[in-house]
């Protein structure tokens, strides 16, 4: 169904007598609006396809639950946003929208080598008010047990050239083993894979489903084993984050046109969507992830509107002023400023979107493939 990034490689030949329907195949999931895609923060407003990192589950208007290993490339302070909608790739479809992530926290007991406690929480800049979050397990819900059917949702690759990744799909699995913190499932007949990491696994009657698990791992071929963290075991991790008071309103940020002249002390000093970043011994500057320090001017739709030295950069996920002409500090510095006092920055982007996407595909594929260790006395591999 659900999918696997290209780094998973082609599937092995079907054994004689096997069903012809691929186990990773599933169906579209138009009604699962709380299933989201975790995306690398977009920096360009023209010609930049989203980079799918993982899937996720909306569990409160401004909180998304996903897998901790989805943060391994950029870290907890990295540039993220989530996508809500049925079609992310090859380009966002009608009705889809993005929400900026302002904070990411991995489970303190997460163990990368085994995927133990492989969970993370994301705080959104703006609450999602028109999509009901998934229902979290409560004391009255029956815990997941071997033999139970569960339904997984995700945006991953299908290993079918005609059905690309970036489409929200669903598929049925069957629980085969359970531990105190996780459970294992097999195909019934669908199967999760790399792009579905962090996605919801639901159980219970239709119309009253509960978020029972979070996809975190599986076999390399994405055919026989899916591993999920149990959401009912994450209470001590979820509760403080969900009950957290909203941060205080930031003071007046630096004006966009002064960012090459003024240093920042923290993210609160930066205009919305920018981060305060220090490089070496140079003063910290407000900048957009993947770009060097610079200033922002008029609203734009593409690079052509921004002159020879500028690009059309995305400050926010949407809005009339989300895309503004960005000019690197080197190109805006006062020519009368002595050379030694000029900002030591380079122009333009740090990496091309294409290179970024290929690198992330390889790294996330390696994270999915990490060997599992069998738990003594259990059929479950964590």
Protein backbone atom coordinates (compact mmCIF):
# COMPACT_ATOMS: atom_id res chain seq x y z
CA UNK A 1 0.00 0.00 0.00
CA UNK A 2 1.76 2.17 1.89
CA UNK A 3 5.11 2.59 0.88
CA UNK A 4 8.74 2.51 0.57
CA UNK A 5 11.14 5.18 -0.61
CA UNK A 6 13.26 4.23 -3.65
CA UNK A 7 16.15 3.23 -1.39
CA UNK A 8 14.22 0.10 -0.38
CA UNK A 9 15.00 -1.40 -3.74
CA UNK A 10 12.85 -3.67 -5.91
CA UNK A 11 10.76 -6.41 -4.39
CA UNK A 12 11.91 -10.00 -4.60
CA UNK A 13 10.15 -12.30 -7.11
CA UNK A 14 6.78 -13.67 -5.99
CA UNK A 15 7.03 -17.28 -4.78
CA UNK A 16 5.12 -19.91 -6.72
CA UNK A 17 1.43 -19.91 -5.78
CA UNK A 18 1.57 -16.49 -4.05
CA UNK A 19 -1.32 -14.09 -4.43
CA UNK A 20 -0.86 -11.72 -7.34
CA UNK A 21 -1.85 -8.64 -5.35
CA UNK A 22 1.23 -7.01 -3.88
CA UNK A 23 1.22 -6.92 -0.10
CA UNK A 24 2.20 -3.24 -0.02
CA UNK A 25 -0.87 -2.34 -2.06
CA UNK A 26 -3.70 -0.50 -0.39
CA UNK A 27 -6.47 1.90 -1.24
CA UNK A 28 -6.85 5.66 -1.15
CA UNK A 29 -7.76 7.13 2.25
CA UNK A 30 -9.79 10.30 1.51
CA UNK A 31 -11.52 10.25 4.90
CA UNK A 32 -8.39 10.09 7.08
CA UNK A 33 -7.75 13.83 7.30
CA UNK A 34 -5.83 13.48 10.58
CA UNK A 35 -3.17 11.36 8.86
CA UNK A 36 -0.51 13.84 7.75
CA UNK A 37 2.83 13.87 5.94
CA UNK A 38 6.01 15.18 7.58
CA UNK A 39 7.89 17.29 5.05
CA UNK A 40 11.24 19.07 4.97
CA UNK A 41 10.62 22.80 5.24
CA UNK A 42 10.25 24.30 1.77
CA UNK A 43 12.48 27.30 1.11
CA UNK A 44 11.82 28.15 -2.55
CA UNK A 45 8.53 29.43 -3.94
CA UNK A 46 9.11 28.29 -7.49
CA UNK A 47 9.85 24.81 -8.80
CA UNK A 48 10.51 23.10 -5.46
CA UNK A 49 8.76 19.77 -4.96
CA UNK A 50 8.04 18.81 -1.34
CA UNK A 51 10.48 16.34 0.24
CA UNK A 52 8.52 13.61 2.04
CA UNK A 53 10.21 12.52 5.27
CA UNK A 54 7.56 10.42 7.02
CA UNK A 55 3.89 10.17 7.89
CA UNK A 56 2.26 11.34 11.13
CA UNK A 57 -0.94 11.49 13.17
CA UNK A 58 -2.75 14.63 14.32
CA UNK A 59 -3.64 14.00 18.00
CA UNK A 60 -4.60 17.56 19.00
CA UNK A 61 -5.34 20.71 16.95
CA UNK A 62 -1.69 21.78 17.18
CA UNK A 63 0.10 18.47 17.92
CA UNK A 64 1.30 15.71 15.58
CA UNK A 65 2.67 12.34 16.72
CA UNK A 66 5.29 10.72 14.49
CA UNK A 67 8.35 8.46 14.73
CA UNK A 68 11.54 9.71 16.42
CA UNK A 69 13.73 8.37 13.62
CA UNK A 70 11.97 10.80 11.26
CA UNK A 71 13.96 13.57 12.99
CA UNK A 72 17.32 11.82 12.55
CA UNK A 73 18.40 13.76 9.46
CA UNK A 74 17.76 17.33 10.71
CA UNK A 75 17.47 16.78 14.47
CA UNK A 76 14.89 18.15 16.89
CA UNK A 77 15.65 21.76 15.92
CA UNK A 78 15.46 21.07 12.20
CA UNK A 79 13.19 22.71 9.61
CA UNK A 80 9.87 20.84 9.33
CA UNK A 81 6.30 21.30 8.23
CA UNK A 82 3.38 18.93 7.86
CA UNK A 83 1.00 18.46 4.96
CA UNK A 84 -2.72 17.81 5.37
CA UNK A 85 -4.47 16.44 2.31
CA UNK A 86 -4.78 13.31 0.16
CA UNK A 87 -2.11 14.15 -2.45
CA UNK A 88 1.35 15.54 -1.66
CA UNK A 89 3.35 14.29 -4.66
CA UNK A 90 4.18 14.82 -7.46
CA UNK A 91 2.68 18.13 -6.38
CA UNK A 92 0.17 19.09 -3.69
CA UNK A 93 -3.36 18.39 -4.87
CA UNK A 94 -6.55 20.44 -4.42
CA UNK A 95 -7.62 20.84 -0.82
CA UNK A 96 -4.16 20.16 0.59
CA UNK A 97 -2.33 22.59 2.85
CA UNK A 98 0.84 22.90 4.90
CA UNK A 99 1.38 23.80 8.55
CA UNK A 100 4.73 24.95 9.95
CA UNK A 101 6.29 23.03 12.82
CA UNK A 102 7.65 25.23 15.60
CA UNK A 103 8.95 22.51 17.95
CA UNK A 104 9.91 18.83 17.73
CA UNK A 105 10.68 16.53 20.68
CA UNK A 106 11.81 12.88 20.50
CA UNK A 107 10.95 10.37 23.23
CA UNK A 108 13.71 10.53 25.88
CA UNK A 109 14.12 6.72 25.88
CA UNK A 110 14.26 6.30 22.10
CA UNK A 111 16.84 3.68 21.02
CA UNK A 112 17.72 4.01 17.31
CA UNK A 113 19.27 0.55 17.03
CA UNK A 114 16.08 -1.25 18.09
CA UNK A 115 13.33 1.34 17.41
CA UNK A 116 12.35 1.09 21.08
CA UNK A 117 10.19 4.10 22.07
CA UNK A 118 10.49 5.39 18.50
CA UNK A 119 8.10 8.32 18.92
CA UNK A 120 8.26 12.11 18.58
CA UNK A 121 5.89 15.04 19.04
CA UNK A 122 5.55 18.10 16.80
CA UNK A 123 4.00 21.45 17.74
CA UNK A 124 2.29 23.33 14.89
CA UNK A 125 2.50 27.10 14.50
CA UNK A 126 -1.23 27.36 13.82
CA UNK A 127 -3.87 24.93 15.19
CA UNK A 128 -5.83 22.82 12.70
CA UNK A 129 -9.46 23.53 13.57
CA UNK A 130 -11.35 21.82 10.74
CA UNK A 131 -9.92 18.29 11.03
CA UNK A 132 -10.84 16.10 14.05
CA UNK A 133 -7.68 14.60 15.64
CA UNK A 134 -7.37 10.84 16.06
CA UNK A 135 -8.82 9.49 19.29
CA UNK A 136 -6.16 8.46 21.80
CA UNK A 137 -6.55 5.24 23.85
CA UNK A 138 -8.40 5.58 27.14
CA UNK A 139 -8.98 3.33 30.15
CA UNK A 140 -12.14 1.91 28.56
CA UNK A 141 -10.44 0.75 25.35
CA UNK A 142 -9.37 -2.88 24.98
CA UNK A 143 -5.58 -3.15 24.45
CA UNK A 144 -4.32 -4.50 21.15
CA UNK A 145 -3.94 -8.30 21.07
CA UNK A 146 -2.62 -10.98 18.67
CA UNK A 147 -5.13 -11.69 15.93
CA UNK A 148 -6.67 -8.21 15.96
CA UNK A 149 -7.17 -6.48 12.60
CA UNK A 150 -5.64 -3.01 12.39
CA UNK A 151 -5.72 -0.33 9.71
CA UNK A 152 -2.58 1.58 8.77
CA UNK A 153 -2.49 4.91 6.92
CA UNK A 154 0.52 6.55 5.28
CA UNK A 155 2.04 8.42 2.34
CA UNK A 156 4.84 6.02 1.36
CA UNK A 157 5.83 4.51 -1.96
CA UNK A 158 3.88 1.50 -3.31
CA UNK A 159 6.70 -0.09 -5.32
CA UNK A 160 4.38 0.36 -8.28
CA UNK A 161 5.54 2.82 -10.95
CA UNK A 162 1.91 3.69 -11.68
CA UNK A 163 1.19 4.50 -8.02
CA UNK A 164 3.85 6.87 -6.72
CA UNK A 165 4.59 7.86 -3.12
CA UNK A 166 3.01 10.96 -1.68
CA UNK A 167 -0.57 9.67 -1.88
CA UNK A 168 -2.42 9.06 1.39
CA UNK A 169 -3.39 5.38 1.45
CA UNK A 170 -4.74 2.82 3.87
CA UNK A 171 -4.48 -0.94 4.27
CA UNK A 172 -5.36 -3.75 6.65
CA UNK A 173 -2.83 -5.68 8.75
CA UNK A 174 -3.22 -8.34 11.46
CA UNK A 175 -1.48 -8.21 14.84
CA UNK A 176 0.90 -11.16 15.33
CA UNK A 177 2.71 -10.29 18.56
CA UNK A 178 2.50 -7.80 21.42
CA UNK A 179 4.87 -6.48 24.12
CA UNK A 180 4.34 -3.83 26.78
CA UNK A 181 5.50 -1.02 24.49
CA UNK A 182 5.01 -2.21 20.92
CA UNK A 183 3.31 -4.71 18.63
CA UNK A 184 4.05 -6.57 15.43
CA UNK A 185 1.67 -7.07 12.50
CA UNK A 186 1.61 -9.02 9.27
CA UNK A 187 -0.14 -8.48 5.94
CA UNK A 188 -3.92 -8.77 5.69
CA UNK A 189 -3.16 -8.19 2.81
CA UNK A 190 -1.56 -4.69 2.95
CA UNK A 191 1.84 -3.81 4.40
CA UNK A 192 3.58 -0.66 5.59
CA UNK A 193 7.02 0.44 4.44
CA UNK A 194 9.56 3.29 4.72
CA UNK A 195 7.48 6.30 3.74
CA UNK A 196 4.80 5.26 6.23
CA UNK A 197 7.04 5.63 9.31
CA UNK A 198 5.27 7.69 11.96
CA UNK A 199 1.87 7.04 10.42
CA UNK A 200 -1.23 6.02 12.38
CA UNK A 201 -2.29 2.41 12.97
CA UNK A 202 -5.95 2.32 13.98
CA UNK A 203 -8.13 -0.30 15.62
CA UNK A 204 -11.66 -0.73 16.88
CA UNK A 205 -15.08 -0.42 15.24
CA UNK A 206 -15.61 1.82 12.26
CA UNK A 207 -16.70 5.24 13.42
CA UNK A 208 -15.03 4.83 16.80
CA UNK A 209 -11.49 3.86 15.88
CA UNK A 210 -8.68 4.53 18.32
CA UNK A 211 -5.03 5.33 17.55
CA UNK A 212 -3.44 2.09 18.73
CA UNK A 213 -0.01 2.29 17.13
CA UNK A 214 2.60 4.25 15.26
CA UNK A 215 4.47 2.62 12.35
CA UNK A 216 8.21 2.54 13.08
CA UNK A 217 9.88 -0.33 11.22
CA UNK A 218 9.53 -3.56 9.24
CA UNK A 219 11.30 -6.07 7.01
CA UNK A 220 13.42 -4.80 4.12
CA UNK A 221 11.05 -6.10 1.44
CA UNK A 222 8.01 -4.66 3.25
CA UNK A 223 6.16 -7.96 2.93
CA UNK A 224 6.04 -9.87 6.16
CA UNK A 225 6.60 -7.68 9.22
CA UNK A 226 5.44 -4.30 10.42
CA UNK A 227 6.50 -2.93 13.81
CA UNK A 228 4.44 -0.36 15.72
CA UNK A 229 4.96 1.56 18.95
CA UNK A 230 1.91 1.22 21.22
CA UNK A 231 0.26 4.60 21.74
CA UNK A 232 -1.30 3.46 25.02
CA UNK A 233 2.25 3.04 26.37
CA UNK A 234 3.19 6.66 25.54
CA UNK A 235 1.02 8.41 28.14
CA UNK A 236 3.88 9.84 30.20
CA UNK A 237 5.43 11.22 27.02
CA UNK A 238 2.24 12.61 25.50
CA UNK A 239 0.55 14.14 28.54
CA UNK A 240 3.01 16.94 29.44
CA UNK A 241 3.30 18.03 25.82
CA UNK A 242 -0.47 18.08 25.30
CA UNK A 243 -1.01 20.04 28.53
CA UNK A 244 1.81 22.50 27.87
CA UNK A 245 0.80 26.15 28.11
CA UNK A 246 1.22 28.16 24.91
CA UNK A 247 4.47 30.13 24.74
CA UNK A 248 4.35 33.85 25.53
CA UNK A 249 3.79 36.19 22.64
CA UNK A 250 7.15 37.19 21.09
CA UNK A 251 8.38 40.75 21.34
CA UNK A 252 8.63 42.88 18.21
CA UNK A 253 10.91 40.97 15.82
CA UNK A 254 13.63 42.51 13.70
CA UNK A 255 12.34 44.07 10.48
CA UNK A 256 12.93 42.00 7.34
CA UNK A 257 15.04 44.72 5.71
CA UNK A 258 17.42 44.93 8.71
CA UNK A 259 18.45 41.28 8.94
CA UNK A 260 21.89 41.84 7.39
CA UNK A 261 22.64 44.64 9.86
CA UNK A 262 21.12 43.36 13.10
CA UNK A 263 22.17 40.24 15.02
CA UNK A 264 19.64 38.11 16.92
CA UNK A 265 19.80 36.53 20.38
CA UNK A 266 17.08 33.91 19.85
CA UNK A 267 14.29 32.81 17.54
CA UNK A 268 11.90 35.27 19.21
CA UNK A 269 13.97 38.10 17.71
CA UNK A 270 13.32 36.81 14.20
CA UNK A 271 10.36 37.45 11.92
CA UNK A 272 7.85 34.59 11.76
CA UNK A 273 9.25 31.59 9.91
CA UNK A 274 12.93 32.46 10.45
CA UNK A 275 15.40 30.94 12.90
CA UNK A 276 18.27 32.59 14.80
CA UNK A 277 21.38 30.68 13.75
CA UNK A 278 25.06 31.23 14.56
CA UNK A 279 27.83 30.03 12.23
CA UNK A 280 31.31 29.89 13.73
CA UNK A 281 32.37 33.10 15.46
CA UNK A 282 30.08 35.32 13.40
CA UNK A 283 27.08 36.96 15.12
CA UNK A 284 23.85 34.95 14.98
CA UNK A 285 21.52 35.96 12.18
CA UNK A 286 17.88 35.36 11.33
CA UNK A 287 17.68 33.04 8.36
CA UNK A 288 15.48 30.60 6.53
CA UNK A 289 16.62 26.95 6.67
CA UNK A 290 18.83 26.04 3.68
CA UNK A 291 19.56 29.71 2.91
CA UNK A 292 22.35 31.96 4.10
CA UNK A 293 21.68 35.24 5.89
CA UNK A 294 19.95 37.89 3.84
CA UNK A 295 17.17 40.45 3.64
CA UNK A 296 13.62 40.17 2.34
CA UNK A 297 11.78 42.60 0.10
CA UNK A 298 8.63 42.64 -2.02
CA UNK A 299 6.14 39.80 -2.34
CA UNK A 300 6.85 37.50 -5.29
CA UNK A 301 5.66 34.38 -7.10
CA UNK A 302 8.89 33.20 -8.72
CA UNK A 303 12.62 33.97 -8.94
CA UNK A 304 12.16 36.09 -12.08
CA UNK A 305 10.55 38.81 -9.95
CA UNK A 306 13.60 39.13 -7.70
CA UNK A 307 16.42 40.27 -9.99
CA UNK A 308 19.73 38.66 -10.85
CA UNK A 309 20.94 38.22 -7.26
CA UNK A 310 17.65 37.38 -5.57
CA UNK A 311 15.36 34.38 -5.24
CA UNK A 312 11.72 34.03 -4.28
CA UNK A 313 11.90 32.51 -0.77
CA UNK A 314 9.11 31.10 1.39
CA UNK A 315 8.84 32.78 4.80
CA UNK A 316 5.55 31.12 5.76
CA UNK A 317 3.60 28.19 4.41
CA UNK A 318 0.91 30.34 2.78
CA UNK A 319 -0.57 33.83 2.64
CA UNK A 320 -0.11 36.89 0.44
CA UNK A 321 3.27 37.73 2.01
CA UNK A 322 4.54 34.15 2.43
CA UNK A 323 6.83 34.47 -0.59
CA UNK A 324 9.25 37.40 -0.50
CA UNK A 325 12.27 38.31 -2.59
CA UNK A 326 15.41 37.23 -0.72
CA UNK A 327 18.82 38.83 -1.32
CA UNK A 328 21.94 37.42 0.38
CA UNK A 329 23.85 39.76 2.67
CA UNK A 330 26.86 39.94 0.37
CA UNK A 331 24.67 41.44 -2.32
CA UNK A 332 23.08 44.00 -0.01
CA UNK A 333 26.05 45.15 2.04
CA UNK A 334 26.94 48.85 1.89
CA UNK A 335 29.93 49.15 -0.51
CA UNK A 336 31.51 51.74 1.80
CA UNK A 337 31.73 49.16 4.62
CA UNK A 338 35.34 48.00 5.14
CA UNK A 339 35.96 44.46 3.85
CA UNK A 340 36.84 43.16 7.32
CA UNK A 341 33.45 44.31 8.64
CA UNK A 342 31.36 42.73 5.92
CA UNK A 343 29.32 39.59 6.72
CA UNK A 344 31.21 36.40 5.86
CA UNK A 345 28.35 34.65 4.08
CA UNK A 346 27.84 33.04 0.70
CA UNK A 347 25.02 33.75 -1.71
CA UNK A 348 22.00 31.66 -2.43
CA UNK A 349 21.00 28.17 -1.39
CA UNK A 350 23.09 25.73 0.58
CA UNK A 351 21.84 22.74 -1.41
CA UNK A 352 19.54 22.09 -4.30
CA UNK A 353 16.13 20.53 -3.59
CA UNK A 354 16.99 17.57 -5.82
CA UNK A 355 20.15 16.73 -3.91
CA UNK A 356 18.30 17.09 -0.62
CA UNK A 357 15.56 14.70 -1.67
CA UNK A 358 17.98 12.01 -2.82
CA UNK A 359 20.03 12.25 0.37
CA UNK A 360 16.96 11.99 2.60
CA UNK A 361 15.65 9.00 0.67
CA UNK A 362 18.89 7.10 1.26
CA UNK A 363 19.19 8.04 4.94
CA UNK A 364 15.59 7.22 5.81
CA UNK A 365 15.87 3.94 3.93
CA UNK A 366 18.85 2.98 6.05
CA UNK A 367 16.97 3.88 9.23
CA UNK A 368 14.06 1.62 8.20
CA UNK A 369 16.41 -1.28 7.44
CA UNK A 370 18.17 -1.36 10.79
CA UNK A 371 18.25 -4.96 12.08
CA UNK A 372 15.70 -5.96 14.67
CA UNK A 373 16.53 -7.77 17.89
CA UNK A 374 14.24 -10.55 19.07
CA UNK A 375 12.75 -10.15 22.51
CA UNK A 376 13.26 -13.37 24.54
CA UNK A 377 10.07 -15.37 24.98
CA UNK A 378 8.13 -13.39 22.36
CA UNK A 379 7.28 -13.67 18.69
CA UNK A 380 7.80 -9.94 18.39
CA UNK A 381 10.94 -8.36 16.93
CA UNK A 382 11.69 -4.83 18.07
